[in-house]
């Protein structure tokens, strides 16, 4: 199937719907343990108030939020391509945003989250890291995408200088 026959508008909308669903699932997953924190189950406490005193709750959201933002940016790129913009400046910027957010998410998962978790749990003895396959792969794909957009911008500048 050629690229121009793909329903990029539907892919864009589906991606945004998926991001909304994944965000709701992420919040539900991270908030579920907070419901069990009060010793008296009849007392209703605000999840927001409980989460404010738990830095680990917010730390655990860093990488997933970056990844979801990358997906949101990708949906914008799909829509721009659907509108026929081609590999223009706005598509290059969108692809750069996707790559940057993938890199930020990987850095958060590999370095920032383990270090901040150790710091908040009073067991900090320097930088911590977690070299898992998934964030390393995602980060390298983000870096590759970011470098491709750099090359695309340079090529576009060179092409404009000829005209």
N, C-alpha and C. Protein backbone atom coordinates (compact mmCIF):
# COMPACT_ATOMS: atom_id res chain seq x y z
N UNK A 1 0.85 -1.17 0.00
CA UNK A 1 0.00 0.00 0.00
C UNK A 1 0.89 1.23 0.00
N UNK A 2 0.66 2.13 -0.93
CA UNK A 2 1.51 3.31 -1.02
C UNK A 2 1.14 4.31 0.08
N UNK A 3 2.09 5.20 0.36
CA UNK A 3 1.92 6.13 1.47
C UNK A 3 0.75 7.08 1.27
N UNK A 4 0.48 7.47 0.02
CA UNK A 4 -0.60 8.43 -0.20
C UNK A 4 -1.98 7.81 -0.08
N UNK A 5 -2.08 6.50 0.00
CA UNK A 5 -3.38 5.85 0.15
C UNK A 5 -3.69 5.49 1.60
N UNK A 6 -2.74 5.70 2.48
CA UNK A 6 -3.00 5.43 3.89
C UNK A 6 -3.97 6.47 4.43
N UNK A 7 -4.90 6.06 5.28
CA UNK A 7 -5.84 7.04 5.88
C UNK A 7 -5.16 7.79 7.03
N UNK A 8 -4.25 8.69 6.68
CA UNK A 8 -3.45 9.38 7.70
C UNK A 8 -4.30 10.22 8.65
N UNK A 9 -5.43 10.73 8.16
CA UNK A 9 -6.30 11.49 9.05
C UNK A 9 -6.90 10.59 10.12
N UNK A 10 -7.29 9.38 9.73
CA UNK A 10 -7.83 8.43 10.71
C UNK A 10 -6.75 7.93 11.66
N UNK A 11 -5.55 7.75 11.14
CA UNK A 11 -4.42 7.35 12.00
C UNK A 11 -4.14 8.45 13.01
N UNK A 12 -4.19 9.70 12.57
CA UNK A 12 -3.95 10.83 13.48
C UNK A 12 -5.01 10.88 14.58
N UNK A 13 -6.26 10.78 14.19
CA UNK A 13 -7.34 10.81 15.18
C UNK A 13 -7.25 9.61 16.11
N UNK A 14 -6.99 8.43 15.55
CA UNK A 14 -6.85 7.22 16.36
C UNK A 14 -5.71 7.32 17.35
N UNK A 15 -4.62 7.95 16.92
CA UNK A 15 -3.47 8.14 17.81
C UNK A 15 -3.83 9.05 18.98
N UNK A 16 -4.56 10.13 18.69
CA UNK A 16 -4.95 11.04 19.78
C UNK A 16 -5.92 10.36 20.74
N UNK A 17 -6.84 9.56 20.20
CA UNK A 17 -7.76 8.81 21.06
C UNK A 17 -6.97 7.81 21.92
N UNK A 18 -6.00 7.15 21.30
CA UNK A 18 -5.17 6.19 22.04
C UNK A 18 -4.38 6.89 23.14
N UNK A 19 -3.85 8.07 22.85
CA UNK A 19 -3.10 8.83 23.87
C UNK A 19 -4.02 9.18 25.04
N UNK A 20 -5.24 9.61 24.73
CA UNK A 20 -6.18 9.94 25.81
C UNK A 20 -6.49 8.70 26.65
N UNK A 21 -6.71 7.56 25.99
CA UNK A 21 -6.98 6.32 26.72
C UNK A 21 -5.79 5.87 27.54
N UNK A 22 -4.59 5.96 26.94
CA UNK A 22 -3.38 5.56 27.67
C UNK A 22 -3.12 6.48 28.86
N UNK A 23 -3.40 7.76 28.70
CA UNK A 23 -3.22 8.70 29.80
C UNK A 23 -4.18 8.38 30.94
N UNK A 24 -5.43 8.10 30.59
CA UNK A 24 -6.42 7.73 31.62
C UNK A 24 -5.99 6.44 32.32
N UNK A 25 -5.53 5.46 31.55
CA UNK A 25 -5.05 4.22 32.14
C UNK A 25 -3.84 4.41 33.03
N UNK A 26 -2.94 5.29 32.60
CA UNK A 26 -1.74 5.58 33.39
C UNK A 26 -2.11 6.21 34.73
N UNK A 27 -3.01 7.17 34.68
CA UNK A 27 -3.44 7.83 35.93
C UNK A 27 -4.14 6.82 36.84
N UNK A 28 -5.00 6.00 36.26
CA UNK A 28 -5.71 4.99 37.07
C UNK A 28 -4.73 4.00 37.69
N UNK A 29 -3.74 3.58 36.89
CA UNK A 29 -2.74 2.61 37.39
C UNK A 29 -1.91 3.20 38.51
N UNK A 30 -1.48 4.44 38.34
CA UNK A 30 -0.62 5.06 39.35
C UNK A 30 -1.41 5.50 40.58
N UNK A 31 -2.71 5.80 40.39
CA UNK A 31 -3.53 6.28 41.51
C UNK A 31 -4.11 5.14 42.33
N UNK A 32 -4.22 3.94 41.77
CA UNK A 32 -4.84 2.82 42.48
C UNK A 32 -4.19 2.55 43.84
N UNK A 33 -2.86 2.50 43.95
CA UNK A 33 -2.28 2.26 45.27
C UNK A 33 -2.53 3.39 46.27
N UNK A 34 -2.79 4.60 45.75
CA UNK A 34 -3.05 5.73 46.65
C UNK A 34 -4.37 5.57 47.39
N UNK A 35 -5.33 4.88 46.77
CA UNK A 35 -6.63 4.68 47.42
C UNK A 35 -6.52 3.86 48.70
N UNK A 36 -5.52 3.01 48.79
CA UNK A 36 -5.37 2.12 49.94
C UNK A 36 -4.48 2.70 51.03
N UNK A 37 -4.10 3.95 50.91
CA UNK A 37 -3.13 4.51 51.85
C UNK A 37 -3.74 4.93 53.18
N UNK A 38 -5.00 5.31 53.19
CA UNK A 38 -5.62 5.75 54.45
C UNK A 38 -6.05 4.53 55.25
N UNK A 39 -5.72 4.48 56.56
CA UNK A 39 -6.05 3.29 57.36
C UNK A 39 -7.54 3.06 57.53
N UNK A 40 -8.33 4.11 57.46
CA UNK A 40 -9.78 3.98 57.62
C UNK A 40 -10.44 4.04 56.24
N UNK A 41 -10.93 2.90 55.72
CA UNK A 41 -11.49 2.89 54.36
C UNK A 41 -12.74 3.75 54.21
N UNK A 42 -13.41 4.09 55.33
CA UNK A 42 -14.62 4.92 55.21
C UNK A 42 -14.28 6.39 55.00
N UNK A 43 -13.04 6.78 55.23
CA UNK A 43 -12.62 8.16 55.04
C UNK A 43 -12.21 8.35 53.59
N UNK A 44 -12.85 9.30 52.95
CA UNK A 44 -12.51 9.61 51.57
C UNK A 44 -11.45 10.70 51.56
N UNK A 45 -10.32 10.41 50.95
CA UNK A 45 -9.27 11.40 50.81
C UNK A 45 -9.09 11.70 49.34
N UNK A 46 -8.71 12.90 49.05
CA UNK A 46 -8.48 13.31 47.68
C UNK A 46 -7.21 12.66 47.15
N UNK A 47 -7.32 12.04 45.98
CA UNK A 47 -6.14 11.42 45.38
C UNK A 47 -5.08 12.48 45.10
N UNK A 48 -5.50 13.67 44.73
CA UNK A 48 -4.55 14.73 44.46
C UNK A 48 -3.80 15.11 45.74
N UNK A 49 -4.51 15.22 46.85
CA UNK A 49 -3.83 15.59 48.10
C UNK A 49 -2.87 14.50 48.56
N UNK A 50 -3.24 13.25 48.38
CA UNK A 50 -2.34 12.16 48.75
C UNK A 50 -1.12 12.14 47.82
N UNK A 51 -1.36 12.33 46.52
CA UNK A 51 -0.26 12.27 45.57
C UNK A 51 0.73 13.41 45.76
N UNK A 52 0.25 14.54 46.29
CA UNK A 52 1.14 15.69 46.49
C UNK A 52 2.23 15.39 47.52
N UNK A 53 1.96 14.51 48.46
CA UNK A 53 2.95 14.20 49.48
C UNK A 53 3.82 13.00 49.09
N UNK A 54 3.55 12.41 47.95
CA UNK A 54 4.32 11.26 47.50
C UNK A 54 5.10 11.60 46.23
N UNK A 55 6.36 11.98 46.38
CA UNK A 55 7.14 12.32 45.20
C UNK A 55 7.28 11.13 44.24
N UNK A 56 7.26 9.92 44.77
CA UNK A 56 7.40 8.75 43.90
C UNK A 56 6.27 8.66 42.88
N UNK A 57 5.08 9.16 43.26
CA UNK A 57 3.95 9.17 42.33
C UNK A 57 4.28 10.03 41.11
N UNK A 58 4.81 11.23 41.34
CA UNK A 58 5.11 12.14 40.26
C UNK A 58 6.35 11.70 39.49
N UNK A 59 7.32 11.14 40.18
CA UNK A 59 8.53 10.65 39.51
C UNK A 59 8.18 9.54 38.53
N UNK A 60 7.25 8.68 38.93
CA UNK A 60 6.89 7.55 38.07
C UNK A 60 6.15 7.98 36.80
N UNK A 61 5.72 9.23 36.73
CA UNK A 61 5.01 9.73 35.55
C UNK A 61 5.94 10.37 34.51
N UNK A 62 7.19 10.63 34.87
CA UNK A 62 8.07 11.39 33.98
C UNK A 62 8.24 10.75 32.60
N UNK A 63 8.72 9.54 32.52
CA UNK A 63 8.96 8.90 31.23
C UNK A 63 7.66 8.65 30.46
N UNK A 64 6.62 8.08 31.10
CA UNK A 64 5.39 7.85 30.34
C UNK A 64 4.79 9.13 29.75
N UNK A 65 4.87 10.23 30.46
CA UNK A 65 4.32 11.48 29.93
C UNK A 65 5.11 11.92 28.71
N UNK A 66 6.43 11.78 28.74
CA UNK A 66 7.25 12.12 27.56
C UNK A 66 6.87 11.23 26.37
N UNK A 67 6.69 9.95 26.62
CA UNK A 67 6.32 9.04 25.54
C UNK A 67 4.94 9.37 24.98
N UNK A 68 4.00 9.71 25.85
CA UNK A 68 2.66 10.09 25.38
C UNK A 68 2.71 11.39 24.59
N UNK A 69 3.56 12.31 25.01
CA UNK A 69 3.70 13.56 24.27
C UNK A 69 4.31 13.29 22.89
N UNK A 70 5.22 12.33 22.80
CA UNK A 70 5.78 11.95 21.50
C UNK A 70 4.69 11.39 20.59
N UNK A 71 3.80 10.57 21.15
CA UNK A 71 2.69 10.04 20.36
C UNK A 71 1.76 11.15 19.90
N UNK A 72 1.49 12.11 20.78
CA UNK A 72 0.63 13.24 20.41
C UNK A 72 1.26 14.02 19.26
N UNK A 73 2.57 14.26 19.35
CA UNK A 73 3.29 14.96 18.27
C UNK A 73 3.25 14.15 16.98
N UNK A 74 3.34 12.84 17.10
CA UNK A 74 3.27 11.98 15.90
C UNK A 74 1.91 12.10 15.24
N UNK A 75 0.86 12.21 16.04
CA UNK A 75 -0.48 12.36 15.46
C UNK A 75 -0.59 13.67 14.68
N UNK A 76 0.07 14.72 15.17
CA UNK A 76 0.10 15.98 14.43
C UNK A 76 0.84 15.82 13.10
N UNK A 77 1.92 15.06 13.10
CA UNK A 77 2.66 14.81 11.87
C UNK A 77 1.79 14.04 10.88
N UNK A 78 1.07 13.03 11.36
CA UNK A 78 0.17 12.29 10.47
C UNK A 78 -0.84 13.22 9.81
N UNK A 79 -1.40 14.15 10.59
CA UNK A 79 -2.40 15.06 10.04
C UNK A 79 -1.77 16.01 9.02
N UNK A 80 -0.58 16.50 9.30
CA UNK A 80 0.11 17.38 8.35
C UNK A 80 0.40 16.64 7.04
N UNK A 81 0.81 15.40 7.15
CA UNK A 81 1.06 14.61 5.94
C UNK A 81 -0.25 14.35 5.19
N UNK A 82 -1.33 14.14 5.91
CA UNK A 82 -2.63 13.95 5.28
C UNK A 82 -3.04 15.19 4.49
N UNK A 83 -2.71 16.36 5.01
CA UNK A 83 -3.05 17.61 4.33
C UNK A 83 -2.11 17.90 3.17
N UNK A 84 -1.15 17.01 2.93
CA UNK A 84 -0.28 17.14 1.77
C UNK A 84 0.91 18.06 1.95
N UNK A 85 1.32 18.29 3.19
CA UNK A 85 2.43 19.21 3.43
C UNK A 85 3.77 18.63 3.00
N UNK A 86 3.89 17.33 2.83
CA UNK A 86 5.17 16.75 2.44
C UNK A 86 6.22 16.91 3.52
N UNK A 87 7.47 16.82 3.10
CA UNK A 87 8.57 16.92 4.06
C UNK A 87 8.99 18.37 4.20
N UNK A 88 8.01 19.22 4.56
CA UNK A 88 8.26 20.64 4.73
C UNK A 88 8.69 20.97 6.14
N UNK A 89 8.76 22.27 6.41
CA UNK A 89 9.26 22.75 7.70
C UNK A 89 8.39 22.28 8.87
N UNK A 90 7.06 22.29 8.70
CA UNK A 90 6.20 21.91 9.82
C UNK A 90 6.28 20.41 10.10
N UNK A 91 6.43 19.60 9.07
CA UNK A 91 6.58 18.15 9.27
C UNK A 91 7.93 17.85 9.92
N UNK A 92 8.97 18.55 9.46
CA UNK A 92 10.30 18.36 10.05
C UNK A 92 10.28 18.75 11.53
N UNK A 93 9.61 19.87 11.85
CA UNK A 93 9.50 20.29 13.25
C UNK A 93 8.73 19.25 14.06
N UNK A 94 7.65 18.71 13.49
CA UNK A 94 6.88 17.68 14.18
C UNK A 94 7.69 16.43 14.44
N UNK A 95 8.45 16.00 13.44
CA UNK A 95 9.29 14.81 13.60
C UNK A 95 10.39 15.07 14.63
N UNK A 96 10.91 16.29 14.64
CA UNK A 96 11.93 16.64 15.64
C UNK A 96 11.32 16.59 17.04
N UNK A 97 10.07 17.06 17.18
CA UNK A 97 9.38 16.99 18.47
C UNK A 97 9.19 15.54 18.92
N UNK A 98 8.82 14.68 17.98
CA UNK A 98 8.66 13.25 18.31
C UNK A 98 9.99 12.69 18.81
N UNK A 99 11.05 12.93 18.05
CA UNK A 99 12.37 12.43 18.43
C UNK A 99 12.84 12.98 19.76
N UNK A 100 12.65 14.28 19.97
CA UNK A 100 13.08 14.90 21.23
C UNK A 100 12.34 14.31 22.42
N UNK A 101 11.03 14.14 22.28
CA UNK A 101 10.25 13.58 23.39
C UNK A 101 10.61 12.13 23.67
N UNK A 102 10.95 11.37 22.64
CA UNK A 102 11.41 10.00 22.87
C UNK A 102 12.74 10.00 23.62
N UNK A 103 13.61 10.92 23.25
CA UNK A 103 14.91 11.03 23.94
C UNK A 103 14.70 11.45 25.40
N UNK A 104 13.84 12.46 25.62
CA UNK A 104 13.58 12.91 27.00
C UNK A 104 13.00 11.77 27.84
N UNK A 105 12.08 11.01 27.26
CA UNK A 105 11.48 9.90 27.99
C UNK A 105 12.51 8.84 28.34
N UNK A 106 13.40 8.55 27.40
CA UNK A 106 14.43 7.56 27.65
C UNK A 106 15.40 8.03 28.73
N UNK A 107 15.79 9.29 28.68
CA UNK A 107 16.69 9.84 29.70
C UNK A 107 16.00 9.80 31.07
N UNK A 108 14.71 10.13 31.08
CA UNK A 108 13.96 10.08 32.34
C UNK A 108 13.91 8.66 32.88
N UNK A 109 13.64 7.68 32.02
CA UNK A 109 13.52 6.29 32.46
C UNK A 109 14.87 5.71 32.89
N UNK A 110 15.92 6.06 32.17
CA UNK A 110 17.24 5.47 32.43
C UNK A 110 17.95 6.15 33.60
N UNK A 111 17.89 7.46 33.67
CA UNK A 111 18.72 8.19 34.63
C UNK A 111 17.93 8.98 35.68
N UNK A 112 16.98 9.78 35.25
CA UNK A 112 16.32 10.71 36.17
C UNK A 112 15.43 9.98 37.17
N UNK A 113 14.59 9.09 36.70
CA UNK A 113 13.67 8.40 37.62
C UNK A 113 14.40 7.55 38.66
N UNK A 114 15.38 6.73 38.28
CA UNK A 114 16.09 5.96 39.33
C UNK A 114 16.84 6.86 40.32
N UNK A 115 17.42 7.95 39.83
CA UNK A 115 18.16 8.85 40.72
C UNK A 115 17.22 9.57 41.68
N UNK A 116 16.11 10.11 41.16
CA UNK A 116 15.16 10.82 42.02
C UNK A 116 14.48 9.87 43.00
N UNK A 117 14.21 8.65 42.57
CA UNK A 117 13.60 7.67 43.47
C UNK A 117 14.54 7.38 44.64
N UNK A 118 15.80 7.16 44.35
CA UNK A 118 16.77 6.91 45.42
C UNK A 118 16.91 8.13 46.32
N UNK A 119 16.87 9.31 45.74
CA UNK A 119 16.99 10.53 46.52
C UNK A 119 15.81 10.71 47.47
N UNK A 120 14.60 10.44 47.00
CA UNK A 120 13.41 10.63 47.85
C UNK A 120 13.25 9.52 48.88
N UNK A 121 13.91 8.39 48.69
CA UNK A 121 13.81 7.29 49.64
C UNK A 121 15.00 7.25 50.59
N UNK A 122 15.73 8.33 50.67
CA UNK A 122 16.88 8.47 51.58
C UNK A 122 17.92 7.37 51.40
N UNK A 123 18.14 6.96 50.20
CA UNK A 123 19.22 6.01 49.93
C UNK A 123 20.09 6.50 48.78
N UNK A 124 20.22 7.82 48.69
CA UNK A 124 20.97 8.44 47.59
C UNK A 124 22.46 8.35 47.86
N UNK A 125 23.16 7.78 46.93
CA UNK A 125 24.63 7.73 46.99
C UNK A 125 25.18 7.98 45.60
N UNK A 126 24.70 9.01 44.96
CA UNK A 126 25.15 9.34 43.62
C UNK A 126 24.09 9.00 42.59
N UNK A 127 24.44 9.22 41.35
CA UNK A 127 23.52 8.95 40.25
C UNK A 127 23.20 7.47 40.16
N UNK A 128 21.94 7.19 39.87
CA UNK A 128 21.48 5.83 39.65
C UNK A 128 21.06 5.72 38.20
N UNK A 129 21.06 4.53 37.70
CA UNK A 129 20.63 4.31 36.32
C UNK A 129 19.98 2.95 36.20
N UNK A 130 19.18 2.81 35.17
CA UNK A 130 18.49 1.56 34.89
C UNK A 130 18.53 1.35 33.38
N UNK A 131 19.53 0.59 32.93
CA UNK A 131 19.70 0.35 31.50
C UNK A 131 18.82 -0.82 31.06
N UNK A 132 17.54 -0.54 30.89
CA UNK A 132 16.61 -1.54 30.37
C UNK A 132 16.57 -1.44 28.85
N UNK A 133 16.21 -2.52 28.21
CA UNK A 133 16.20 -2.58 26.75
C UNK A 133 15.21 -1.58 26.16
N UNK A 134 14.02 -1.47 26.73
CA UNK A 134 12.97 -0.63 26.14
C UNK A 134 13.35 0.84 26.07
N UNK A 135 13.75 1.48 27.19
CA UNK A 135 14.09 2.90 27.07
C UNK A 135 15.33 3.15 26.23
N UNK A 136 16.29 2.22 26.26
CA UNK A 136 17.46 2.39 25.40
C UNK A 136 17.07 2.36 23.93
N UNK A 137 16.21 1.43 23.57
CA UNK A 137 15.75 1.33 22.18
C UNK A 137 14.95 2.56 21.79
N UNK A 138 14.03 2.96 22.65
CA UNK A 138 13.20 4.13 22.36
C UNK A 138 14.07 5.39 22.24
N UNK A 139 15.03 5.53 23.12
CA UNK A 139 15.92 6.69 23.07
C UNK A 139 16.76 6.72 21.80
N UNK A 140 17.26 5.56 21.39
CA UNK A 140 18.06 5.53 20.16
C UNK A 140 17.22 5.79 18.93
N UNK A 141 15.99 5.31 18.91
CA UNK A 141 15.09 5.62 17.80
C UNK A 141 14.78 7.12 17.79
N UNK A 142 14.56 7.70 18.96
CA UNK A 142 14.34 9.14 19.04
C UNK A 142 15.54 9.92 18.56
N UNK A 143 16.75 9.48 18.94
CA UNK A 143 17.97 10.15 18.49
C UNK A 143 18.11 10.04 16.97
N UNK A 144 17.83 8.86 16.43
CA UNK A 144 17.90 8.68 14.98
C UNK A 144 16.92 9.61 14.27
N UNK A 145 15.70 9.69 14.77
CA UNK A 145 14.69 10.57 14.19
C UNK A 145 15.11 12.02 14.28
N UNK A 146 15.65 12.41 15.41
CA UNK A 146 16.11 13.78 15.59
C UNK A 146 17.26 14.10 14.62
N UNK A 147 18.20 13.16 14.45
CA UNK A 147 19.31 13.38 13.52
C UNK A 147 18.83 13.43 12.07
N UNK A 148 17.83 12.63 11.73
CA UNK A 148 17.27 12.67 10.38
C UNK A 148 16.64 14.03 10.12
N UNK A 149 15.95 14.58 11.11
CA UNK A 149 15.35 15.89 10.91
C UNK A 149 16.42 16.98 10.79
N UNK A 150 17.52 16.81 11.50
CA UNK A 150 18.63 17.75 11.35
C UNK A 150 19.16 17.72 9.91
N UNK A 151 19.32 16.51 9.39
CA UNK A 151 19.79 16.37 8.01
C UNK A 151 18.76 16.93 7.04
N UNK A 152 17.47 16.72 7.32
CA UNK A 152 16.41 17.26 6.47
C UNK A 152 16.40 18.78 6.47
N UNK A 153 16.61 19.38 7.63
CA UNK A 153 16.67 20.84 7.71
C UNK A 153 17.86 21.38 6.93
N UNK A 154 19.00 20.70 7.02
CA UNK A 154 20.19 21.13 6.29
C UNK A 154 19.95 21.00 4.79
N UNK A 155 19.35 19.90 4.38
CA UNK A 155 19.05 19.70 2.97
C UNK A 155 18.08 20.76 2.47
N UNK A 156 17.08 21.08 3.27
CA UNK A 156 16.10 22.11 2.89
C UNK A 156 16.78 23.47 2.75
N UNK A 157 17.68 23.80 3.67
CA UNK A 157 18.42 25.06 3.59
C UNK A 157 19.28 25.10 2.34
N UNK A 158 19.95 23.97 2.03
CA UNK A 158 20.78 23.91 0.82
C UNK A 158 19.93 24.07 -0.44
N UNK A 159 18.75 23.43 -0.44
CA UNK A 159 17.87 23.53 -1.61
C UNK A 159 17.37 24.97 -1.79
N UNK A 160 17.05 25.64 -0.69
CA UNK A 160 16.57 27.02 -0.78
C UNK A 160 17.67 27.96 -1.25
N UNK A 161 18.92 27.65 -0.95
CA UNK A 161 20.02 28.50 -1.39
C UNK A 161 20.23 28.40 -2.90
N UNK A 162 19.82 27.29 -3.53
CA UNK A 162 19.94 27.15 -4.98
C UNK A 162 18.87 27.93 -5.72
N UNK A 163 17.75 28.14 -5.05
CA UNK A 163 16.61 28.80 -5.74
C UNK A 163 16.72 30.27 -5.74
